[in-house]
Structures are given as structure tokens and as C-alpha cells.
């Protein structure tokens, strides 16, 4: 899908106004870890009702309000990954609500985060972004109940998402068990497709695939949380599959063993990656955590790029008991996640080995 340059009489392309797009805008995981280490965030024991805070880099904060209810709160926003304003709003909203589903929660309502170059973009364009976000909230069955806006140099849009969960069904990213099967809900390659779009090398079919993946709500997370065999969940976003698998492994003190041949990929992304069409965030991700990953001998650069590819509104990564795998896959399939796949397992961490091993 080629993007033509803007003329003096046409508004600028959204992606031309931002230095990065989608979850590729995230601060690199190594830099983020350093920033958090330097900050003075409250210790978990100071707030016993805070069931999930910053300690395991989980997807959302969780605060217990009574025996059967806990509030789940998250925020997510970024610069444009596409030029169509309505699609940008949809993608950003879907991505933000994913963190609610990744905790096993049900979304309640959302607030909009809006930063726009108000004198650069037509008001009609900005309104379409907001309409896209509202459409996703409507699809999720929740109200977009307000928000906050600023005049900014780059376009920024996202949501604060508020959800609710039974603490007994809360799914953390740190509770995987040895022997668990790893299941990925969506195929990889969104970052590669976004890079191709920015270079004017993505056709209409590729754009349609990217849009379908990034606007598909991770609703199965709520149903998956009710399965006793599901032990841990997260969603694969800006840090790539390896980065989020590393969070699972670190949190549980285990090794995430990924089967490279079983990874689901969006059509055409391997060929694009082999041509060097990848995001800068992919290299930043590898630089941040590559020393904690064991890759197979002869792993090529394209494969490594796909493993570290930042996924905007990516799939759920589920750690479940082997006997629950068929039921998990069935829930994904019934919800329209046709490429959901078993991609590996969790195992005891051998002494001296990397927490993530790709085989």
C-alpha cells in the first residue's frame, strides 16, 4: 500500500509526523529497567491490597477492593503506525485494552489519551482518530468515558483501561509452572509490515492483514482466566516475543523454550525481513536482552528480527498445563484466532543457561 507525499493543499501523512510508530515507540527494555531502578517507586508491602505493581513488569496494575473483586488499571498510547486516522484510533485502542484481557479481567470503561499537533492536522483528521478509538470501545462493550488532551509536536493516541477481575482468577505474567505449554494467540510480524508500509512497500493485502491482526481484541483472555490449567498470561507487544517470554521466565524462575519452526507468522513477513525491512526497535530489543537468550546455531538475521519484532496489539502468550492446551486452543479458534499455536514450553532453568532458549 504505497503512501504518496503530501502537497501544500493536503494534510501530512500521520506516519510522517512521528519518529516511530505503534509499540515500536516503546523505550527499549534495557533503558526502561535502568530508569525504574533509579526511581523510588513504592514497595509492594507498603500497599497489601496492591496485588500487582511494577515488580514483575506485568501488563496492568491490580488493586483488590474486596474478597471477590479487584480493579485492573492500565494505560497505553503511541504515535501512528498507519496513515488512516480511523485505523490508527482503532489500533491504539485495541492495543490498550489488550492489557486488561492479558490479566484475565473484563474491561469496564476507558479514558482517552490525546496529544495532537493541533495546528498541523485538520480537526476532521483528529476527530476520525477519536472515532476509531470509540468504535473499539463500543465493540468491547464499554464506554469511552472521558480523557485528557494536549497540543503536542507528534500525534499521540491511546487509552487508560479499567477492568475488574476475581482475584482467584487473576493471571499474572510470573506464575508459569515447569512443564507448562506455551501458546501464542496471534501471528508475529506486525512490526515488519509497519516498516514496509512506511517505506511504501506494503500492498493492500498486506495492509489488510496488519489491520485485522492489530484490531482483533484479545477477548479470549477473560475466558482463559477461568480455566484452572491456565497458570500465566501476558501479551506480546513492543518488546517482541523474546522480550515477553523473558518476562515470563524471569518471573517464574524458569526457562522459556521456544520452538522456532512452530511460530505463527503473518504471510510475507519472513520475505520482507530477509530483505532488511525491519523496525529499528527490533535491534534495540535485541541489544537490551540478547545476552539472556540462546539462539540455535545458524540462526539468520531475518529470524532474529522476527523474534524481536515489536508487536503492536499482539497476541496473548499463555502458559498452561499440557492437559489444558487443547481447551485453550479451542477457545482461541472459536473466537476467530485461526493461527493460535503451541510454540514451546516452560522448563526448569539449567544452571548457567539463558532464561530463554530458542530451538
Foldseek 3Di string as FASTA:
>chain_A
DFDDADDPVDAGFQVVQDPDAFLLPDDAPQVVVVVVVPDDDDDCVVQVQFPDDPPLPWLWTWGDDDQFKIKTKHKFKTGHLGRQLLLRLLLQLLLGCQSQLQFLWQWAAKEKEWEEQPVRDDPVSVVSSVVSNQVLCVVSVYYHDYYDYYHDSHTMIHIIIMTMGTVVLTATLQFFDAQWFKKWLAAFQLQLLSLCHVVRNHDPVSVVLSSVQSNQHQNCSNVVSPDPFWHHKHFAAAQAQVVSLQSSLVSHVWAWEFELVFGGHDPPRLVSLVVVRGDPSLVSSCVSCVVQEAEDPPDDRSSSRRRRGGHRSGTMIITGHPVCVVVSVVSSVVSPSVSITGTTHIHHHDPPHHRYYYD
